[in-house]
Amino acid sequence: MGTADSQIKIWDVKEHTNVANFPGHSGPVTIAFSNKGYYLATGAQVCSLKRWDLRKLNNFKTISLDSNYESILGL
């Protein structure tokens, strides 16, 4: 889940414990999991996308978009 302070928190539902916190975004965060649940993609309104490996609990790819990406994509 994303939090008000723009961190992504990963929880072990069975154990009811927070197992990882992923910082690095500002503003509202959108998340999506891969089909098998090994990877997480996160995006924020500040033009950045991050890919996380949930087995290693680290960020392995960050993509920064140009600030005018909406006009480029026709959004």
C-alpha atoms as a PDB file:
ATOM      1  CA  MET A   1       0.000   0.000   0.000  1.00  0.00           C
ATOM      2  CA  GLY A   2       1.065   3.588  -0.530  1.00  0.00           C
ATOM      3  CA  THR A   3       1.026   5.982   2.418  1.00  0.00           C
ATOM      4  CA  ALA A   4       0.396   9.696   2.925  1.00  0.00           C
ATOM      5  CA  ASP A   5       4.170  10.222   3.170  1.00  0.00           C
ATOM      6  CA  SER A   6       4.614   8.619  -0.299  1.00  0.00           C
ATOM      7  CA  GLN A   7       6.280   5.448   0.969  1.00  0.00           C
ATOM      8  CA  ILE A   8       5.295   2.026  -0.271  1.00  0.00           C
ATOM      9  CA  LYS A   9       4.921  -0.449   2.585  1.00  0.00           C
ATOM     10  CA  ILE A  10       5.053  -4.198   2.000  1.00  0.00           C
ATOM     11  CA  TRP A  11       3.256  -6.338   4.564  1.00  0.00           C
ATOM     12  CA  ASP A  12       3.359 -10.028   5.403  1.00  0.00           C
ATOM     13  CA  VAL A  13      -0.378 -10.565   5.740  1.00  0.00           C
ATOM     14  CA  LYS A  14      -0.035 -13.924   7.459  1.00  0.00           C
ATOM     15  CA  GLU A  15       2.346 -12.607  10.135  1.00  0.00           C
ATOM     16  CA  HIS A  16       0.783  -9.099  10.315  1.00  0.00           C
ATOM     17  CA  THR A  17       4.211  -7.462  10.006  1.00  0.00           C
ATOM     18  CA  ASN A  18       5.688  -4.727   7.832  1.00  0.00           C
ATOM     19  CA  VAL A  19       8.586  -6.368   5.964  1.00  0.00           C
ATOM     20  CA  ALA A  20       9.791  -3.504   3.745  1.00  0.00           C
ATOM     21  CA  ASN A  21       9.395   0.221   3.075  1.00  0.00           C
ATOM     22  CA  PHE A  22      10.200   1.607  -0.351  1.00  0.00           C
ATOM     23  CA  PRO A  23      10.838   5.384  -0.419  1.00  0.00           C
ATOM     24  CA  GLY A  24      11.627   7.535  -3.395  1.00  0.00           C
ATOM     25  CA  HIS A  25       8.364   9.042  -4.612  1.00  0.00           C
ATOM     26  CA  SER A  26       6.588  12.235  -3.736  1.00  0.00           C
ATOM     27  CA  GLY A  27       2.881  12.816  -4.057  1.00  0.00           C
ATOM     28  CA  PRO A  28       0.224  10.152  -4.611  1.00  0.00           C
ATOM     29  CA  VAL A  29       1.621   6.754  -5.625  1.00  0.00           C
ATOM     30  CA  THR A  30       0.058   4.149  -7.914  1.00  0.00           C
ATOM     31  CA  ILE A  31       1.140   0.514  -7.617  1.00  0.00           C
ATOM     32  CA  ALA A  32       0.823  -2.626  -9.756  1.00  0.00           C
ATOM     33  CA  PHE A  33       2.046  -6.172  -9.097  1.00  0.00           C
ATOM     34  CA  SER A  34       3.369  -8.631 -11.680  1.00  0.00           C
ATOM     35  CA  ASN A  35       1.326 -11.765 -12.412  1.00  0.00           C
ATOM     36  CA  LYS A  36       3.383 -14.003 -10.121  1.00  0.00           C
ATOM     37  CA  GLY A  37       3.854 -11.317  -7.496  1.00  0.00           C
ATOM     38  CA  TYR A  38       7.654 -11.171  -7.719  1.00  0.00           C
ATOM     39  CA  TYR A  39       7.788  -7.593  -8.952  1.00  0.00           C
ATOM     40  CA  LEU A  40       6.100  -4.321  -8.135  1.00  0.00           C
ATOM     41  CA  ALA A  41       5.829  -1.233 -10.326  1.00  0.00           C
ATOM     42  CA  THR A  42       5.177   2.144  -8.719  1.00  0.00           C
ATOM     43  CA  GLY A  43       4.506   5.504 -10.259  1.00  0.00           C
ATOM     44  CA  ALA A  44       3.971   9.010  -8.960  1.00  0.00           C
ATOM     45  CA  GLN A  45       2.844  12.332 -10.353  1.00  0.00           C
ATOM     46  CA  VAL A  46       6.415  13.619 -10.379  1.00  0.00           C
ATOM     47  CA  CYS A  47       7.141  11.750 -13.617  1.00  0.00           C
ATOM     48  CA  SER A  48       8.928   8.721 -12.228  1.00  0.00           C
ATOM     49  CA  LEU A  49       8.339   4.990 -12.452  1.00  0.00           C
ATOM     50  CA  LYS A  50      10.136   2.475 -10.266  1.00  0.00           C
ATOM     51  CA  ARG A  51      10.376  -1.294 -10.526  1.00  0.00           C
ATOM     52  CA  TRP A  52      10.980  -3.296  -7.370  1.00  0.00           C
ATOM     53  CA  ASP A  53      12.076  -6.905  -6.843  1.00  0.00           C
ATOM     54  CA  LEU A  54       9.958  -8.178  -3.950  1.00  0.00           C
ATOM     55  CA  ARG A  55      12.197 -11.221  -3.376  1.00  0.00           C
ATOM     56  CA  LYS A  56      15.288  -9.048  -2.863  1.00  0.00           C
ATOM     57  CA  LEU A  57      13.331  -6.036  -1.535  1.00  0.00           C
ATOM     58  CA  ASN A  58      15.146  -3.530  -3.737  1.00  0.00           C
ATOM     59  CA  ASN A  59      14.584  -1.085  -6.570  1.00  0.00           C
ATOM     60  CA  PHE A  60      16.223  -2.401  -9.734  1.00  0.00           C
ATOM     61  CA  LYS A  61      14.981   0.130 -12.292  1.00  0.00           C
ATOM     62  CA  THR A  62      13.925   3.792 -12.204  1.00  0.00           C
ATOM     63  CA  ILE A  63      12.545   5.595 -15.225  1.00  0.00           C
ATOM     64  CA  SER A  64      12.293   9.379 -15.148  1.00  0.00           C
ATOM     65  CA  LEU A  65       9.954  10.973 -17.643  1.00  0.00           C
ATOM     66  CA  ASP A  66      10.334  14.433 -19.085  1.00  0.00           C
ATOM     67  CA  SER A  67       8.106  16.934 -17.276  1.00  0.00           C
ATOM     68  CA  ASN A  68       6.078  17.462 -20.465  1.00  0.00           C
ATOM     69  CA  TYR A  69       5.359  13.747 -21.001  1.00  0.00           C
ATOM     70  CA  GLU A  70       1.597  14.407 -21.071  1.00  0.00           C
ATOM     71  CA  SER A  71       1.865  16.655 -24.126  1.00  0.00           C
ATOM     72  CA  ILE A  72       4.216  14.201 -25.835  1.00  0.00           C
ATOM     73  CA  LEU A  73       1.793  11.303 -25.244  1.00  0.00           C
ATOM     74  CA  GLY A  74      -1.229  13.410 -26.145  1.00  0.00           C
ATOM     75  CA  LEU A  75      -2.770  13.212 -22.657  1.00  0.00           C
END
